[in-house]
Amino acid sequence: MDFERNAHLAPSPSYALEDESDSEWDDGELSTSRSTAKELAPEPVVTLDGPVEAVKEGKEAVFLLGEAGERIAQGIELDDAAATVRVLVDGEQAGLIVPARVNAPTLVLLSAALPLATLHPLSAKLLEALKPATSISVSTYHLPSWIPASNDPSSSTAPILYLSSASPSPAVAQLRSHGAVQPFSPPNLHHGLGASLLTLSALSTSAASSTLFLLPTTTPPQPLNGPFAPLSPIVSAGVGSAGTLYDAGGPTGLSDPGALFRSLAGIGSKRAAPGAAPLRAVKDALAWDWWVPGRQGGKGFEWLERQRKERRREAASSMYM
């Protein structure tokens, strides 16, 4: 047919030839469209509130994150009169900076209940403000999901794992040689605030070494972008299903995250067998004199508990509206 013979003479579809200059959208409309996209997913705003001048650069920084941070913070006595700096994400407190004291590093206590989009800007802001010479983060890994290396000679059923920069500190190397910690290895994956801090710190020119310690826990991990539980893991563990997902037996029963932490820290045992309290070995190797494992009642995360209490109150109120 004539139509078929002349089909190649037909003009090409306009979308195959036009460029941005031929678009029906002018520059103003395109700019508005892009702005709308940014407004729908705005960049989180991270600010520091308080006497920022008290935070000295170039010191050792210890980041205590999530459940691990809350448990360790129970044994940290903070001076009520000491200057502290609040870490705010979009106006809501997400952490607390305790400036370095004599023979103590800068402590940064952070909530782990944060959406993924906030992790990079939060980590970048903290590292920019502190510029730590040495960076240590302490977080958790989910023990029931952990896959041990096939060639791992360790007999520990709940080891402390670590990830570090290319040049770990001598103390970390010593801990590994003594079997107190084990390297975090594939096929396991770790994400969250600890991973973000380690990555950015390792890329920083100010930090000589960066290490992330991961303490085992049987507390179920929270969703990456929420909703986040309005209860502290150190008070809700053992209530409901939190303490029943995993049980490796033994004298402590790994089904209880609290008992597991006490075993790691050697709390409640007058004379622990060698290697039985690896977290105590970490404390000694890194000279964490600011932490007393057997002490309770530390108020480092008191601000976070107030937030949780307010969320529970709001949730209860909404049930009757």
Protein backbone atom coordinates (compact mmCIF):
# COMPACT_ATOMS: atom_id res chain seq x y z
CA MET A 1 0.00 0.00 0.00
CA ASP A 2 1.06 3.59 -0.60
CA PHE A 3 0.82 4.19 3.15
CA GLU A 4 3.36 1.47 3.89
CA ARG A 5 5.77 2.61 1.14
CA ASN A 6 5.72 6.20 2.42
CA ALA A 7 5.69 5.41 6.12
CA HIS A 8 9.40 6.27 6.45
CA LEU A 9 8.67 9.77 5.14
CA ALA A 10 6.38 10.54 8.06
CA PRO A 11 7.77 13.01 10.60
CA SER A 12 9.39 11.47 13.64
CA PRO A 13 7.53 11.71 16.93
CA SER A 14 8.29 15.00 18.61
CA TYR A 15 9.53 13.40 21.81
CA ALA A 16 12.39 11.70 19.92
CA LEU A 17 13.87 14.99 18.73
CA GLU A 18 13.04 17.70 21.21
CA ASP A 19 15.49 18.81 23.84
CA GLU A 20 14.91 20.92 26.92
CA SER A 21 14.65 24.05 24.77
CA ASP A 22 11.68 22.50 22.91
CA SER A 23 9.92 21.38 26.05
CA GLU A 24 6.46 22.68 26.79
CA TRP A 25 7.75 23.45 30.31
CA ASP A 26 9.61 26.74 30.57
CA ASP A 27 12.52 27.25 32.97
CA GLY A 28 10.31 28.70 35.66
CA GLU A 29 7.96 25.76 35.63
CA LEU A 30 10.87 23.26 35.73
CA SER A 31 12.40 25.10 38.67
CA THR A 32 9.09 25.05 40.50
CA SER A 33 8.75 21.32 39.88
CA ARG A 34 12.20 20.61 41.30
CA SER A 35 11.55 22.84 44.29
CA THR A 36 8.34 20.97 45.01
CA ALA A 37 10.26 17.69 45.02
CA LYS A 38 12.71 19.09 47.57
CA GLU A 39 9.86 20.36 49.71
CA LEU A 40 8.33 16.89 49.76
CA ALA A 41 11.62 15.42 51.02
CA PRO A 42 13.50 18.27 52.72
CA GLU A 43 17.04 17.84 53.99
CA PRO A 44 17.04 17.21 57.77
CA VAL A 45 18.32 20.19 59.73
CA VAL A 46 20.88 19.27 62.40
CA THR A 47 21.81 21.92 64.97
CA LEU A 48 23.71 22.08 68.25
CA ASP A 49 22.05 23.89 71.14
CA GLY A 50 24.06 25.00 74.14
CA PRO A 51 27.60 26.10 74.99
CA VAL A 52 29.23 24.76 71.83
CA GLU A 53 32.44 26.60 72.77
CA ALA A 54 32.88 24.09 75.61
CA VAL A 55 33.26 21.29 73.07
CA LYS A 56 36.97 21.05 72.31
CA GLU A 57 38.16 19.83 68.95
CA GLY A 58 40.79 17.15 68.51
CA LYS A 59 39.87 15.07 71.57
CA GLU A 60 38.87 11.44 71.73
CA ALA A 61 35.12 11.04 71.12
CA VAL A 62 33.01 8.11 72.28
CA PHE A 63 29.57 7.79 70.68
CA LEU A 64 27.10 5.74 72.74
CA LEU A 65 24.23 4.67 70.51
CA GLY A 66 20.81 3.20 71.11
CA GLU A 67 20.37 0.25 73.47
CA ALA A 68 24.11 -0.23 74.03
CA GLY A 69 24.47 3.45 74.85
CA GLU A 70 21.54 3.43 77.26
CA ARG A 71 22.91 0.42 79.14
CA ILE A 72 26.41 1.86 79.43
CA ALA A 73 25.04 5.29 80.37
CA GLN A 74 23.46 3.73 83.46
CA GLY A 75 26.97 3.54 84.87
CA ILE A 76 28.05 7.07 83.94
CA GLU A 77 27.75 9.80 86.56
CA LEU A 78 27.24 13.19 84.95
CA ASP A 79 27.93 16.44 86.73
CA ASP A 80 24.62 18.30 86.90
CA ALA A 81 26.50 21.60 86.77
CA ALA A 82 28.58 20.60 83.75
CA ALA A 83 27.84 22.27 80.44
CA THR A 84 26.21 19.96 77.90
CA VAL A 85 25.15 20.52 74.32
CA ARG A 86 21.89 19.24 72.89
CA VAL A 87 21.89 17.69 69.43
CA LEU A 88 18.71 18.60 67.55
CA VAL A 89 17.32 17.09 64.36
CA ASP A 90 14.54 19.22 62.89
CA GLY A 91 14.11 20.85 66.28
CA GLU A 92 13.75 17.62 68.28
CA GLN A 93 16.50 16.38 70.54
CA ALA A 94 18.34 13.35 69.17
CA GLY A 95 21.43 13.38 71.35
CA LEU A 96 23.51 14.97 74.07
CA ILE A 97 27.17 15.98 73.97
CA VAL A 98 29.11 15.88 77.24
CA PRO A 99 32.35 17.86 76.67
CA ALA A 100 35.65 16.20 77.54
CA ARG A 101 36.80 16.36 81.15
CA VAL A 102 40.15 15.49 82.75
CA ASN A 103 41.07 11.92 81.79
CA ALA A 104 37.76 11.51 79.99
CA PRO A 105 36.79 11.78 76.32
CA THR A 106 33.97 13.74 74.79
CA LEU A 107 30.85 11.62 75.24
CA VAL A 108 28.05 11.76 72.69
CA LEU A 109 24.84 9.99 73.68
CA LEU A 110 22.57 9.41 70.71
CA SER A 111 19.18 7.90 70.04
CA ALA A 112 19.13 5.15 67.41
CA ALA A 113 15.44 5.74 66.64
CA LEU A 114 16.15 7.97 63.66
CA PRO A 115 15.02 7.74 60.01
CA LEU A 116 17.67 6.77 57.48
CA ALA A 117 17.63 10.21 55.85
CA THR A 118 18.92 11.82 59.06
CA LEU A 119 21.93 9.56 59.63
CA HIS A 120 24.39 11.13 57.19
CA PRO A 121 23.71 14.81 58.01
CA LEU A 122 23.72 14.01 61.74
CA SER A 123 27.03 12.14 61.56
CA ALA A 124 28.60 14.82 59.38
CA LYS A 125 27.52 17.61 61.74
CA LEU A 126 28.90 15.87 64.82
CA LEU A 127 32.23 14.97 63.26
CA GLU A 128 32.58 18.49 61.86
CA ALA A 129 31.99 19.99 65.31
CA LEU A 130 34.20 17.58 67.26
CA LYS A 131 36.96 16.76 64.76
CA PRO A 132 37.96 13.85 67.01
CA ALA A 133 41.51 12.53 66.94
CA THR A 134 40.10 9.11 67.82
CA SER A 135 36.51 8.03 67.23
CA ILE A 136 34.86 5.11 69.04
CA SER A 137 31.21 4.16 68.59
CA VAL A 138 29.32 1.56 70.59
CA SER A 139 26.12 0.07 69.21
CA THR A 140 24.42 -3.34 69.00
CA TYR A 141 23.89 -6.15 66.54
CA HIS A 142 20.99 -8.59 66.52
CA LEU A 143 22.44 -11.84 67.85
CA PRO A 144 19.77 -14.22 66.44
CA SER A 145 20.47 -12.88 62.93
CA TRP A 146 24.25 -13.01 63.18
CA ILE A 147 26.04 -15.59 61.02
CA PRO A 148 29.44 -16.57 62.48
CA ALA A 149 32.39 -17.11 60.18
CA SER A 150 32.91 -20.75 59.25
CA ASN A 151 36.59 -20.58 60.23
CA ASP A 152 35.98 -18.77 63.52
CA PRO A 153 37.83 -20.64 66.28
CA SER A 154 36.08 -18.74 69.07
CA SER A 155 33.78 -20.66 71.35
CA SER A 156 31.82 -17.54 72.35
CA THR A 157 28.14 -17.74 71.51
CA ALA A 158 27.65 -13.98 71.92
CA PRO A 159 30.88 -12.19 70.97
CA ILE A 160 31.55 -8.48 70.86
CA LEU A 161 32.16 -7.59 67.22
CA TYR A 162 34.05 -4.65 65.80
CA LEU A 163 34.65 -2.74 62.59
CA SER A 164 37.53 -0.32 62.26
CA SER A 165 39.33 2.01 59.91
CA ALA A 166 42.41 0.86 58.01
CA SER A 167 44.66 1.67 60.98
CA PRO A 168 42.98 0.49 64.20
CA SER A 169 44.42 1.61 67.50
CA PRO A 170 46.91 -0.65 69.32
CA ALA A 171 44.31 -1.24 72.04
CA VAL A 172 41.84 -2.66 69.50
CA ALA A 173 44.53 -4.89 68.01
CA GLN A 174 45.37 -6.13 71.51
CA LEU A 175 41.71 -6.86 72.27
CA ARG A 176 41.44 -8.91 69.11
CA SER A 177 44.63 -10.86 69.82
CA HIS A 178 43.31 -11.74 73.28
CA GLY A 179 39.96 -12.85 71.86
CA ALA A 180 37.93 -10.17 73.65
CA VAL A 181 36.48 -8.94 70.34
CA GLN A 182 36.00 -10.44 66.90
CA PRO A 183 35.92 -8.73 63.50
CA PHE A 184 32.50 -8.20 61.95
CA SER A 185 32.60 -10.33 58.82
CA PRO A 186 30.51 -11.13 55.72
CA PRO A 187 27.87 -12.19 54.89
CA ASN A 188 26.58 -10.10 57.80
CA LEU A 189 25.51 -6.51 57.12
CA HIS A 190 25.33 -3.59 59.49
CA HIS A 191 23.51 -0.32 58.91
CA GLY A 192 22.44 2.55 61.05
CA LEU A 193 24.02 5.45 62.88
CA GLY A 194 27.10 3.48 63.92
CA ALA A 195 27.90 2.55 60.33
CA SER A 196 27.43 6.17 59.22
CA LEU A 197 29.73 7.52 61.94
CA LEU A 198 32.41 4.93 61.19
CA THR A 199 32.32 5.57 57.45
CA LEU A 200 32.56 9.36 57.69
CA SER A 201 35.12 9.22 60.48
CA ALA A 202 37.33 6.84 58.49
CA LEU A 203 37.22 9.29 55.58
CA SER A 204 38.06 12.24 57.82
CA THR A 205 41.57 13.65 57.90
CA SER A 206 41.34 14.51 61.61
CA ALA A 207 40.75 11.00 62.99
CA ALA A 208 43.81 8.78 63.34
CA SER A 209 41.64 5.73 64.03
CA SER A 210 37.93 4.93 64.05
CA THR A 211 36.30 1.89 65.63
CA LEU A 212 32.74 0.63 65.94
CA PHE A 213 32.07 -1.91 68.70
CA LEU A 214 28.89 -3.96 68.38
CA LEU A 215 27.43 -5.56 71.49
CA PRO A 216 25.12 -8.56 71.05
CA THR A 217 21.46 -8.17 71.91
CA THR A 218 18.33 -10.22 71.45
CA THR A 219 16.09 -7.16 71.39
CA PRO A 220 14.31 -7.15 68.00
CA PRO A 221 15.65 -4.41 65.70
CA GLN A 222 13.37 -1.47 64.99
CA PRO A 223 12.14 -0.55 61.49
CA LEU A 224 14.59 1.54 59.48
CA ASN A 225 12.18 4.46 59.15
CA GLY A 226 9.87 3.81 62.07
CA PRO A 227 7.48 3.78 63.69
CA PHE A 228 9.83 3.51 66.64
CA ALA A 229 8.87 1.89 69.92
CA PRO A 230 7.92 4.38 72.66
CA LEU A 231 9.62 2.22 75.31
CA SER A 232 13.27 2.00 76.25
CA PRO A 233 14.82 -1.36 75.29
CA ILE A 234 16.43 -1.62 78.73
CA VAL A 235 13.06 -1.52 80.51
CA SER A 236 10.90 -3.29 77.91
CA ALA A 237 13.27 -6.23 77.41
CA GLY A 238 11.72 -9.35 78.76
CA VAL A 239 8.22 -7.91 78.45
CA GLY A 240 6.09 -9.48 75.75
CA SER A 241 8.07 -11.02 72.91
CA ALA A 242 11.27 -9.01 73.31
CA GLY A 243 12.88 -11.61 75.54
CA THR A 244 11.59 -14.78 73.94
CA LEU A 245 12.98 -14.77 70.41
CA TYR A 246 16.25 -16.50 71.20
CA ASP A 247 17.53 -18.77 73.92
CA ALA A 248 20.99 -20.27 73.82
CA GLY A 249 20.67 -21.69 77.32
CA GLY A 250 23.55 -21.46 79.73
CA PRO A 251 23.70 -19.90 83.16
CA THR A 252 22.56 -16.46 82.03
CA GLY A 253 20.05 -17.41 79.36
CA LEU A 254 20.70 -15.28 76.28
CA SER A 255 16.97 -14.75 75.87
CA ASP A 256 17.25 -11.86 78.36
CA PRO A 257 19.11 -8.88 76.84
CA GLY A 258 19.74 -7.47 80.31
CA ALA A 259 21.34 -10.69 81.54
CA LEU A 260 23.37 -10.87 78.35
CA PHE A 261 24.75 -7.36 78.90
CA ARG A 262 25.54 -8.09 82.56
CA SER A 263 27.44 -11.18 81.48
CA LEU A 264 29.47 -9.20 78.93
CA ALA A 265 30.30 -6.53 81.51
CA GLY A 266 30.98 -8.95 84.34
CA ILE A 267 28.27 -7.37 86.49
CA GLY A 268 27.21 -9.48 89.45
CA SER A 269 30.21 -11.81 89.34
CA LYS A 270 33.00 -11.19 91.84
CA ARG A 271 35.64 -13.00 89.87
CA ALA A 272 34.81 -13.72 86.24
CA ALA A 273 36.74 -16.38 84.37
CA PRO A 274 39.27 -15.12 81.79
CA GLY A 275 37.42 -14.07 78.66
CA ALA A 276 34.03 -14.33 80.35
CA ALA A 277 33.53 -10.54 80.55
CA PRO A 278 34.78 -9.14 77.22
CA LEU A 279 33.15 -5.74 77.72
CA ARG A 280 35.11 -5.33 80.94
CA ALA A 281 38.24 -6.11 78.91
CA VAL A 282 37.26 -3.38 76.42
CA LYS A 283 36.79 -0.93 79.28
CA ASP A 284 40.22 -1.73 80.73
CA ALA A 285 42.05 -1.65 77.38
CA LEU A 286 40.55 1.71 76.40
CA ALA A 287 40.86 3.20 79.92
CA TRP A 288 37.16 3.93 80.30
CA ASP A 289 37.48 5.12 83.89
CA TRP A 290 34.37 7.26 83.39
CA TRP A 291 32.18 4.14 83.26
CA VAL A 292 31.37 2.04 86.35
CA PRO A 293 29.65 -1.16 85.11
CA GLY A 294 27.88 -2.00 88.37
CA ARG A 295 26.43 1.47 88.86
CA GLN A 296 22.80 2.23 88.03
CA GLY A 297 20.74 5.38 87.74
CA GLY A 298 22.81 7.31 85.21
CA LYS A 299 20.86 10.20 83.68
CA GLY A 300 22.60 10.52 80.34
CA PHE A 301 19.48 9.47 78.40
CA GLU A 302 16.95 11.13 80.69
CA TRP A 303 15.97 13.47 77.84
CA LEU A 304 15.10 10.50 75.62
CA GLU A 305 12.93 8.92 78.29
CA ARG A 306 10.99 12.18 78.59
CA GLN A 307 10.33 12.08 74.84
CA ARG A 308 9.11 8.49 75.06
CA LYS A 309 6.84 9.32 77.95
CA GLU A 310 5.33 12.19 75.97
CA ARG A 311 4.74 9.92 72.95
CA ARG A 312 3.01 7.34 75.14
CA ARG A 313 0.82 10.06 76.60
CA GLU A 314 -0.11 11.33 73.14
CA ALA A 315 -0.85 7.80 71.92
CA ALA A 316 -3.07 7.15 74.92
CA SER A 317 -4.91 10.44 74.40
CA SER A 318 -5.56 9.69 70.72
CA MET A 319 -7.33 6.46 71.66
CA TYR A 320 -10.11 8.43 73.31
CA MET A 321 -10.57 11.09 70.65
